[in-house]
Amino acid sequence: MAKVLIPTPLRPYADKRDSVEVEGRTVGEILEALTAQYSELRRHLFNDEGKLRNFVNIYVNDEDIRYLNREATPVQASDTLSIVPSIAGGRDGR
């Protein structure tokens, strides 16, 4: 099983867990299994068309899947997936 790291803002939707072990051969299968187990995560990760939201970045062992095969990126049982939501805002320096 691959390990999926859950970022702090999404933990309330994953029983407050910081990581979970999930089965799957690709990133897409892993995310599908993750959202089947924690259904509240689905709306935070996917848009209404079922596509990964633009502001959600997924890494497999520190490699951004956008530069690999996206959701078709293969995953081994020893891999770690990181969900990294983009953060915006902050102080403008005025």
PDB file of N, CA and C in Angstrom:
ATOM      1  N   MET A   1       0.839  -1.186   0.000  1.00  0.00           N
ATOM      2  CA  MET A   1       0.000   0.000   0.000  1.00  0.00           C
ATOM      3  C   MET A   1       0.878   1.240   0.000  1.00  0.00           C
ATOM      4  N   ALA A   2       0.469   2.233  -0.756  1.00  0.00           N
ATOM      5  CA  ALA A   2       1.182   3.504  -0.797  1.00  0.00           C
ATOM      6  C   ALA A   2       0.705   4.382   0.353  1.00  0.00           C
ATOM      7  N   LYS A   3       1.593   5.241   0.801  1.00  0.00           N
ATOM      8  CA  LYS A   3       1.260   6.176   1.872  1.00  0.00           C
ATOM      9  C   LYS A   3       0.858   7.501   1.238  1.00  0.00           C
ATOM     10  N   VAL A   4      -0.255   8.070   1.708  1.00  0.00           N
ATOM     11  CA  VAL A   4      -0.723   9.374   1.234  1.00  0.00           C
ATOM     12  C   VAL A   4      -0.645  10.340   2.409  1.00  0.00           C
ATOM     13  N   LEU A   5       0.113  11.412   2.226  1.00  0.00           N
ATOM     14  CA  LEU A   5       0.234  12.440   3.250  1.00  0.00           C
ATOM     15  C   LEU A   5      -0.905  13.443   3.091  1.00  0.00           C
ATOM     16  N   ILE A   6      -1.638  13.666   4.162  1.00  0.00           N
ATOM     17  CA  ILE A   6      -2.789  14.569   4.144  1.00  0.00           C
ATOM     18  C   ILE A   6      -2.357  15.911   4.742  1.00  0.00           C
ATOM     19  N   PRO A   7      -2.475  17.003   3.983  1.00  0.00           N
ATOM     20  CA  PRO A   7      -2.076  18.306   4.522  1.00  0.00           C
ATOM     21  C   PRO A   7      -3.043  18.777   5.614  1.00  0.00           C
ATOM     22  N   THR A   8      -2.542  19.610   6.488  1.00  0.00           N
ATOM     23  CA  THR A   8      -3.324  20.088   7.636  1.00  0.00           C
ATOM     24  C   THR A   8      -4.709  20.617   7.261  1.00  0.00           C
ATOM     25  N   PRO A   9      -4.867  21.453   6.203  1.00  0.00           N
ATOM     26  CA  PRO A   9      -6.212  21.978   5.902  1.00  0.00           C
ATOM     27  C   PRO A   9      -7.217  20.902   5.497  1.00  0.00           C
ATOM     28  N   LEU A  10      -6.744  19.745   5.042  1.00  0.00           N
ATOM     29  CA  LEU A  10      -7.663  18.685   4.601  1.00  0.00           C
ATOM     30  C   LEU A  10      -7.882  17.602   5.649  1.00  0.00           C
ATOM     31  N   ARG A  11      -7.167  17.646   6.727  1.00  0.00           N
ATOM     32  CA  ARG A  11      -7.298  16.599   7.765  1.00  0.00           C
ATOM     33  C   ARG A  11      -8.688  16.497   8.381  1.00  0.00           C
ATOM     34  N   PRO A  12      -9.424  17.607   8.545  1.00  0.00           N
ATOM     35  CA  PRO A  12     -10.786  17.458   9.086  1.00  0.00           C
ATOM     36  C   PRO A  12     -11.675  16.561   8.220  1.00  0.00           C
ATOM     37  N   TYR A  13     -11.340  16.401   6.947  1.00  0.00           N
ATOM     38  CA  TYR A  13     -12.138  15.591   6.032  1.00  0.00           C
ATOM     39  C   TYR A  13     -11.600  14.165   5.907  1.00  0.00           C
ATOM     40  N   ALA A  14     -10.543  13.864   6.674  1.00  0.00           N
ATOM     41  CA  ALA A  14      -9.934  12.529   6.647  1.00  0.00           C
ATOM     42  C   ALA A  14      -9.743  12.011   8.076  1.00  0.00           C
ATOM     43  N   ASP A  15     -10.773  12.194   8.885  1.00  0.00           N
ATOM     44  CA  ASP A  15     -10.742  11.762  10.287  1.00  0.00           C
ATOM     45  C   ASP A  15      -9.539  12.296  11.048  1.00  0.00           C
ATOM     46  N   LYS A  16      -9.089  13.502  10.677  1.00  0.00           N
ATOM     47  CA  LYS A  16      -7.968  14.195  11.332  1.00  0.00           C
ATOM     48  C   LYS A  16      -6.644  13.436  11.219  1.00  0.00           C
ATOM     49  N   ARG A  17      -6.548  12.585  10.211  1.00  0.00           N
ATOM     50  CA  ARG A  17      -5.317  11.806  10.023  1.00  0.00           C
ATOM     51  C   ARG A  17      -4.303  12.603   9.215  1.00  0.00           C
ATOM     52  N   ASP A  18      -3.041  12.435   9.532  1.00  0.00           N
ATOM     53  CA  ASP A  18      -1.989  13.113   8.775  1.00  0.00           C
ATOM     54  C   ASP A  18      -1.487  12.272   7.613  1.00  0.00           C
ATOM     55  N   SER A  19      -1.832  10.982   7.631  1.00  0.00           N
ATOM     56  CA  SER A  19      -1.490  10.102   6.511  1.00  0.00           C
ATOM     57  C   SER A  19      -2.386   8.877   6.542  1.00  0.00           C
ATOM     58  N   VAL A  20      -2.529   8.247   5.383  1.00  0.00           N
ATOM     59  CA  VAL A  20      -3.294   7.004   5.274  1.00  0.00           C
ATOM     60  C   VAL A  20      -2.573   6.087   4.288  1.00  0.00           C
ATOM     61  N   GLU A  21      -2.781   4.808   4.448  1.00  0.00           N
ATOM     62  CA  GLU A  21      -2.253   3.806   3.520  1.00  0.00           C
ATOM     63  C   GLU A  21      -3.379   3.443   2.561  1.00  0.00           C
ATOM     64  N   VAL A  22      -3.095   3.529   1.248  1.00  0.00           N
ATOM     65  CA  VAL A  22      -4.127   3.297   0.246  1.00  0.00           C
ATOM     66  C   VAL A  22      -3.578   2.402  -0.849  1.00  0.00           C
ATOM     67  N   GLU A  23      -4.415   1.529  -1.364  1.00  0.00           N
ATOM     68  CA  GLU A  23      -4.045   0.639  -2.452  1.00  0.00           C
ATOM     69  C   GLU A  23      -4.378   1.223  -3.797  1.00  0.00           C
ATOM     70  N   GLY A  24      -3.492   0.983  -4.769  1.00  0.00           N
ATOM     71  CA  GLY A  24      -3.728   1.407  -6.137  1.00  0.00           C
ATOM     72  C   GLY A  24      -2.444   1.313  -6.945  1.00  0.00           C
ATOM     73  N   ARG A  25      -2.604   1.170  -8.259  1.00  0.00           N
ATOM     74  CA  ARG A  25      -1.440   1.047  -9.147  1.00  0.00           C
ATOM     75  C   ARG A  25      -1.050   2.368  -9.796  1.00  0.00           C
ATOM     76  N   THR A  26      -1.967   3.343  -9.764  1.00  0.00           N
ATOM     77  CA  THR A  26      -1.693   4.663 -10.347  1.00  0.00           C
ATOM     78  C   THR A  26      -2.146   5.746  -9.367  1.00  0.00           C
ATOM     79  N   VAL A  27      -1.713   6.962  -9.624  1.00  0.00           N
ATOM     80  CA  VAL A  27      -2.147   8.084  -8.795  1.00  0.00           C
ATOM     81  C   VAL A  27      -3.671   8.193  -8.835  1.00  0.00           C
ATOM     82  N   GLY A  28      -4.267   8.044 -10.014  1.00  0.00           N
ATOM     83  CA  GLY A  28      -5.721   8.114 -10.136  1.00  0.00           C
ATOM     84  C   GLY A  28      -6.433   7.074  -9.286  1.00  0.00           C
ATOM     85  N   GLU A  29      -5.925   5.843  -9.290  1.00  0.00           N
ATOM     86  CA  GLU A  29      -6.525   4.783  -8.469  1.00  0.00           C
ATOM     87  C   GLU A  29      -6.368   5.082  -6.981  1.00  0.00           C
ATOM     88  N   ILE A  30      -5.218   5.608  -6.614  1.00  0.00           N
ATOM     89  CA  ILE A  30      -4.973   5.964  -5.209  1.00  0.00           C
ATOM     90  C   ILE A  30      -5.951   7.057  -4.769  1.00  0.00           C
ATOM     91  N   LEU A  31      -6.098   8.097  -5.581  1.00  0.00           N
ATOM     92  CA  LEU A  31      -7.004   9.189  -5.222  1.00  0.00           C
ATOM     93  C   LEU A  31      -8.455   8.724  -5.195  1.00  0.00           C
ATOM     94  N   GLU A  32      -8.800   7.823  -6.098  1.00  0.00           N
ATOM     95  CA  GLU A  32     -10.168   7.275  -6.114  1.00  0.00           C
ATOM     96  C   GLU A  32     -10.427   6.476  -4.838  1.00  0.00           C
ATOM     97  N   ALA A  33      -9.474   5.656  -4.440  1.00  0.00           N
ATOM     98  CA  ALA A  33      -9.615   4.865  -3.208  1.00  0.00           C
ATOM     99  C   ALA A  33      -9.646   5.773  -1.983  1.00  0.00           C
ATOM    100  N   LEU A  34      -8.816   6.821  -1.999  1.00  0.00           N
ATOM    101  CA  LEU A  34      -8.778   7.755  -0.877  1.00  0.00           C
ATOM    102  C   LEU A  34     -10.121   8.460  -0.711  1.00  0.00           C
ATOM    103  N   THR A  35     -10.692   8.946  -1.820  1.00  0.00           N
ATOM    104  CA  THR A  35     -11.963   9.664  -1.731  1.00  0.00           C
ATOM    105  C   THR A  35     -13.150   8.724  -1.525  1.00  0.00           C
ATOM    106  N   ALA A  36     -12.984   7.456  -1.838  1.00  0.00           N
ATOM    107  CA  ALA A  36     -14.027   6.482  -1.502  1.00  0.00           C
ATOM    108  C   ALA A  36     -14.044   6.251   0.005  1.00  0.00           C
ATOM    109  N   GLN A  37     -12.862   6.264   0.599  1.00  0.00           N
ATOM    110  CA  GLN A  37     -12.749   6.056   2.048  1.00  0.00           C
ATOM    111  C   GLN A  37     -13.143   7.320   2.820  1.00  0.00           C
ATOM    112  N   TYR A  38     -12.789   8.480   2.279  1.00  0.00           N
ATOM    113  CA  TYR A  38     -13.083   9.772   2.914  1.00  0.00           C
ATOM    114  C   TYR A  38     -13.812  10.645   1.902  1.00  0.00           C
ATOM    115  N   SER A  39     -15.096  10.469   1.788  1.00  0.00           N
ATOM    116  CA  SER A  39     -15.882  11.106   0.726  1.00  0.00           C
ATOM    117  C   SER A  39     -15.855  12.632   0.779  1.00  0.00           C
ATOM    118  N   GLU A  40     -15.690  13.216   1.954  1.00  0.00           N
ATOM    119  CA  GLU A  40     -15.639  14.678   2.068  1.00  0.00           C
ATOM    120  C   GLU A  40     -14.419  15.273   1.360  1.00  0.00           C
ATOM    121  N   LEU A  41     -13.388  14.476   1.159  1.00  0.00           N
ATOM    122  CA  LEU A  41     -12.194  14.958   0.462  1.00  0.00           C
ATOM    123  C   LEU A  41     -12.453  15.219  -1.013  1.00  0.00           C
ATOM    124  N   ARG A  42     -13.409  14.491  -1.587  1.00  0.00           N
ATOM    125  CA  ARG A  42     -13.648  14.576  -3.035  1.00  0.00           C
ATOM    126  C   ARG A  42     -13.856  16.015  -3.501  1.00  0.00           C
ATOM    127  N   ARG A  43     -14.696  16.767  -2.835  1.00  0.00           N
ATOM    128  CA  ARG A  43     -15.003  18.129  -3.292  1.00  0.00           C
ATOM    129  C   ARG A  43     -13.814  19.070  -3.139  1.00  0.00           C
ATOM    130  N   HIS A  44     -12.864  18.713  -2.297  1.00  0.00           N
ATOM    131  CA  HIS A  44     -11.675  19.542  -2.115  1.00  0.00           C
ATOM    132  C   HIS A  44     -10.574  19.195  -3.118  1.00  0.00           C
ATOM    133  N   LEU A  45     -10.618  17.993  -3.656  1.00  0.00           N
ATOM    134  CA  LEU A  45      -9.591  17.547  -4.594  1.00  0.00           C
ATOM    135  C   LEU A  45     -10.033  17.626  -6.050  1.00  0.00           C
ATOM    136  N   PHE A  46     -11.344  17.392  -6.307  1.00  0.00           N
ATOM    137  CA  PHE A  46     -11.850  17.305  -7.677  1.00  0.00           C
ATOM    138  C   PHE A  46     -12.913  18.362  -7.944  1.00  0.00           C
ATOM    139  N   ASN A  47     -12.985  18.814  -9.196  1.00  0.00           N
ATOM    140  CA  ASN A  47     -14.037  19.758  -9.587  1.00  0.00           C
ATOM    141  C   ASN A  47     -15.310  18.985  -9.951  1.00  0.00           C
ATOM    142  N   ASP A  48     -16.337  19.696 -10.388  1.00  0.00           N
ATOM    143  CA  ASP A  48     -17.628  19.064 -10.708  1.00  0.00           C
ATOM    144  C   ASP A  48     -17.536  18.081 -11.866  1.00  0.00           C
ATOM    145  N   GLU A  49     -16.542  18.247 -12.729  1.00  0.00           N
ATOM    146  CA  GLU A  49     -16.348  17.328 -13.864  1.00  0.00           C
ATOM    147  C   GLU A  49     -15.499  16.116 -13.490  1.00  0.00           C
ATOM    148  N   GLY A  50     -15.083  16.041 -12.231  1.00  0.00           N
ATOM    149  CA  GLY A  50     -14.279  14.911 -11.779  1.00  0.00           C
ATOM    150  C   GLY A  50     -12.798  15.034 -12.074  1.00  0.00           C
ATOM    151  N   LYS A  51     -12.360  16.238 -12.462  1.00  0.00           N
ATOM    152  CA  LYS A  51     -10.943  16.493 -12.747  1.00  0.00           C
ATOM    153  C   LYS A  51     -10.273  17.041 -11.493  1.00  0.00           C
ATOM    154  N   LEU A  52      -9.009  16.692 -11.329  1.00  0.00           N
ATOM    155  CA  LEU A  52      -8.233  17.221 -10.219  1.00  0.00           C
ATOM    156  C   LEU A  52      -8.220  18.744 -10.297  1.00  0.00           C
ATOM    157  N   ARG A  53      -8.517  19.394  -9.195  1.00  0.00           N
ATOM    158  CA  ARG A  53      -8.569  20.857  -9.178  1.00  0.00           C
ATOM    159  C   ARG A  53      -7.195  21.440  -9.524  1.00  0.00           C
ATOM    160  N   ASN A  54      -7.206  22.599 -10.208  1.00  0.00           N
ATOM    161  CA  ASN A  54      -5.963  23.239 -10.637  1.00  0.00           C
ATOM    162  C   ASN A  54      -5.042  23.599  -9.481  1.00  0.00           C
ATOM    163  N   PHE A  55      -5.619  23.933  -8.332  1.00  0.00           N
ATOM    164  CA  PHE A  55      -4.803  24.377  -7.211  1.00  0.00           C
ATOM    165  C   PHE A  55      -4.345  23.230  -6.305  1.00  0.00           C
ATOM    166  N   VAL A  56      -4.635  22.000  -6.691  1.00  0.00           N
ATOM    167  CA  VAL A  56      -4.186  20.837  -5.925  1.00  0.00           C
ATOM    168  C   VAL A  56      -3.016  20.198  -6.670  1.00  0.00           C
ATOM    169  N   ASN A  57      -1.884  20.132  -6.006  1.00  0.00           N
ATOM    170  CA  ASN A  57      -0.700  19.512  -6.583  1.00  0.00           C
ATOM    171  C   ASN A  57      -0.457  18.172  -5.903  1.00  0.00           C
ATOM    172  N   ILE A  58      -0.128  17.174  -6.703  1.00  0.00           N
ATOM    173  CA  ILE A  58       0.147  15.836  -6.187  1.00  0.00           C
ATOM    174  C   ILE A  58       1.587  15.478  -6.536  1.00  0.00           C
ATOM    175  N   TYR A  59       2.290  14.964  -5.552  1.00  0.00           N
ATOM    176  CA  TYR A  59       3.669  14.538  -5.735  1.00  0.00           C
ATOM    177  C   TYR A  59       3.794  13.065  -5.377  1.00  0.00           C
ATOM    178  N   VAL A  60       4.569  12.343  -6.175  1.00  0.00           N
ATOM    179  CA  VAL A  60       4.926  10.958  -5.864  1.00  0.00           C
ATOM    180  C   VAL A  60       6.417  10.968  -5.565  1.00  0.00           C
ATOM    181  N   ASN A  61       6.757  10.715  -4.312  1.00  0.00           N
ATOM    182  CA  ASN A  61       8.162  10.746  -3.896  1.00  0.00           C
ATOM    183  C   ASN A  61       8.843  12.042  -4.332  1.00  0.00           C
ATOM    184  N   ASP A  62       8.218  13.159  -4.079  1.00  0.00           N
ATOM    185  CA  ASP A  62       8.749  14.491  -4.391  1.00  0.00           C
ATOM    186  C   ASP A  62       8.772  14.841  -5.871  1.00  0.00           C
ATOM    187  N   GLU A  63       8.164  14.022  -6.724  1.00  0.00           N
ATOM    188  CA  GLU A  63       8.076  14.315  -8.158  1.00  0.00           C
ATOM    189  C   GLU A  63       6.655  14.781  -8.464  1.00  0.00           C
ATOM    190  N   ASP A  64       6.533  15.949  -9.055  1.00  0.00           N
ATOM    191  CA  ASP A  64       5.240  16.531  -9.412  1.00  0.00           C
ATOM    192  C   ASP A  64       4.626  15.714 -10.550  1.00  0.00           C
ATOM    193  N   ILE A  65       3.408  15.203 -10.352  1.00  0.00           N
ATOM    194  CA  ILE A  65       2.787  14.349 -11.376  1.00  0.00           C
ATOM    195  C   ILE A  65       2.471  15.107 -12.655  1.00  0.00           C
ATOM    196  N   ARG A  66       2.428  16.453 -12.592  1.00  0.00           N
ATOM    197  CA  ARG A  66       2.190  17.240 -13.812  1.00  0.00           C
ATOM    198  C   ARG A  66       3.319  17.043 -14.814  1.00  0.00           C
ATOM    199  N   TYR A  67       4.502  16.676 -14.328  1.00  0.00           N
ATOM    200  CA  TYR A  67       5.657  16.465 -15.201  1.00  0.00           C
ATOM    201  C   TYR A  67       5.928  14.984 -15.436  1.00  0.00           C
ATOM    202  N   LEU A  68       5.038  14.162 -14.935  1.00  0.00           N
ATOM    203  CA  LEU A  68       5.113  12.716 -15.171  1.00  0.00           C
ATOM    204  C   LEU A  68       3.931  12.353 -16.064  1.00  0.00           C
ATOM    205  N   ASN A  69       3.108  11.421 -15.632  1.00  0.00           N
ATOM    206  CA  ASN A  69       1.941  11.011 -16.414  1.00  0.00           C
ATOM    207  C   ASN A  69       0.629  11.413 -15.743  1.00  0.00           C
ATOM    208  N   ARG A  70       0.672  12.503 -14.985  1.00  0.00           N
ATOM    209  CA  ARG A  70      -0.502  12.992 -14.262  1.00  0.00           C
ATOM    210  C   ARG A  70      -1.159  11.872 -13.460  1.00  0.00           C
ATOM    211  N   GLU A  71      -2.480  11.707 -13.567  1.00  0.00           N
ATOM    212  CA  GLU A  71      -3.164  10.670 -12.784  1.00  0.00           C
ATOM    213  C   GLU A  71      -2.808   9.252 -13.225  1.00  0.00           C
ATOM    214  N   ALA A  72      -2.227   9.097 -14.399  1.00  0.00           N
ATOM    215  CA  ALA A  72      -1.812   7.776 -14.879  1.00  0.00           C
ATOM    216  C   ALA A  72      -0.413   7.402 -14.384  1.00  0.00           C
ATOM    217  N   THR A  73       0.211   8.261 -13.579  1.00  0.00           N
ATOM    218  CA  THR A  73       1.538   7.981 -13.042  1.00  0.00           C
ATOM    219  C   THR A  73       1.501   6.708 -12.204  1.00  0.00           C
ATOM    220  N   PRO A  74       2.376   5.747 -12.510  1.00  0.00           N
ATOM    221  CA  PRO A  74       2.412   4.500 -11.734  1.00  0.00           C
ATOM    222  C   PRO A  74       2.846   4.746 -10.291  1.00  0.00           C
ATOM    223  N   VAL A  75       2.306   3.938  -9.395  1.00  0.00           N
ATOM    224  CA  VAL A  75       2.631   4.028  -7.970  1.00  0.00           C
ATOM    225  C   VAL A  75       3.007   2.638  -7.468  1.00  0.00           C
ATOM    226  N   GLN A  76       4.107   2.574  -6.739  1.00  0.00           N
ATOM    227  CA  GLN A  76       4.549   1.334  -6.097  1.00  0.00           C
ATOM    228  C   GLN A  76       4.085   1.341  -4.640  1.00  0.00           C
ATOM    229  N   ALA A  77       4.029   0.166  -4.039  1.00  0.00           N
ATOM    230  CA  ALA A  77       3.580   0.060  -2.650  1.00  0.00           C
ATOM    231  C   ALA A  77       4.478   0.845  -1.695  1.00  0.00           C
ATOM    232  N   SER A  78       5.731   1.039  -2.051  1.00  0.00           N
ATOM    233  CA  SER A  78       6.672   1.754  -1.177  1.00  0.00           C
ATOM    234  C   SER A  78       6.664   3.266  -1.393  1.00  0.00           C
ATOM    235  N   ASP A  79       5.841   3.764  -2.323  1.00  0.00           N
ATOM    236  CA  ASP A  79       5.814   5.192  -2.647  1.00  0.00           C
ATOM    237  C   ASP A  79       5.016   6.003  -1.633  1.00  0.00           C
ATOM    238  N   THR A  80       5.340   7.293  -1.594  1.00  0.00           N
ATOM    239  CA  THR A  80       4.600   8.253  -0.771  1.00  0.00           C
ATOM    240  C   THR A  80       4.017   9.320  -1.678  1.00  0.00           C
ATOM    241  N   LEU A  81       2.717   9.542  -1.563  1.00  0.00           N
ATOM    242  CA  LEU A  81       2.039  10.609  -2.304  1.00  0.00           C
ATOM    243  C   LEU A  81       1.793  11.766  -1.354  1.00  0.00           C
ATOM    244  N   SER A  82       2.087  12.962  -1.822  1.00  0.00           N
ATOM    245  CA  SER A  82       1.829  14.173  -1.043  1.00  0.00           C
ATOM    246  C   SER A  82       0.781  14.994  -1.771  1.00  0.00           C
ATOM    247  N   ILE A  83      -0.230  15.425  -1.031  1.00  0.00           N
ATOM    248  CA  ILE A  83      -1.244  16.336  -1.554  1.00  0.00           C
ATOM    249  C   ILE A  83      -0.846  17.721  -1.070  1.00  0.00           C
ATOM    250  N   VAL A  84      -0.631  18.635  -2.014  1.00  0.00           N
ATOM    251  CA  VAL A  84      -0.175  19.978  -1.661  1.00  0.00           C
ATOM    252  C   VAL A  84      -1.118  20.999  -2.284  1.00  0.00           C
ATOM    253  N   PRO A  85      -2.072  21.513  -1.495  1.00  0.00           N
ATOM    254  CA  PRO A  85      -2.943  22.562  -2.035  1.00  0.00           C
ATOM    255  C   PRO A  85      -2.169  23.868  -2.136  1.00  0.00           C
ATOM    256  N   SER A  86      -2.391  24.611  -3.213  1.00  0.00           N
ATOM    257  CA  SER A  86      -1.736  25.904  -3.382  1.00  0.00           C
ATOM    258  C   SER A  86      -2.269  26.866  -2.332  1.00  0.00           C
ATOM    259  N   ILE A  87      -1.390  27.704  -1.841  1.00  0.00           N
ATOM    260  CA  ILE A  87      -1.760  28.690  -0.847  1.00  0.00           C
ATOM    261  C   ILE A  87      -1.631  30.065  -1.499  1.00  0.00           C
ATOM    262  N   ALA A  88      -2.663  30.877  -1.346  1.00  0.00           N
ATOM    263  CA  ALA A  88      -2.639  32.227  -1.903  1.00  0.00           C
ATOM    264  C   ALA A  88      -2.929  33.227  -0.801  1.00  0.00           C
ATOM    265  N   GLY A  89      -2.628  34.458  -1.086  1.00  0.00           N
ATOM    266  CA  GLY A  89      -2.933  35.499  -0.123  1.00  0.00           C
ATOM    267  C   GLY A  89      -1.685  35.927   0.638  1.00  0.00           C
ATOM    268  N   GLY A  90      -1.908  36.586   1.733  1.00  0.00           N
ATOM    269  CA  GLY A  90      -0.794  37.074   2.536  1.00  0.00           C
ATOM    270  C   GLY A  90      -0.761  38.576   2.549  1.00  0.00           C
ATOM    271  N   ARG A  91       0.241  39.080   3.135  1.00  0.00           N
ATOM    272  CA  ARG A  91       0.379  40.514   3.297  1.00  0.00           C
ATOM    273  C   ARG A  91       1.029  41.127   2.063  1.00  0.00           C
ATOM    274  N   ASP A  92       0.557  42.278   1.630  1.00  0.00           N
ATOM    275  CA  ASP A  92       1.084  42.920   0.435  1.00  0.00           C
ATOM    276  C   ASP A  92       2.214  43.902   0.732  1.00  0.00           C
ATOM    277  N   GLY A  93       2.609  44.048   1.968  1.00  0.00           N
ATOM    278  CA  GLY A  93       3.740  44.900   2.328  1.00  0.00           C
ATOM    279  C   GLY A  93       3.424  46.370   2.527  1.00  0.00           C
ATOM    280  N   ARG A  94       2.178  46.735   2.494  1.00  0.00           N
ATOM    281  CA  ARG A  94       1.826  48.149   2.706  1.00  0.00           C
ATOM    282  C   ARG A  94       1.791  48.511   4.150  1.00  0.00           C
TER     283      ARG A  94
END
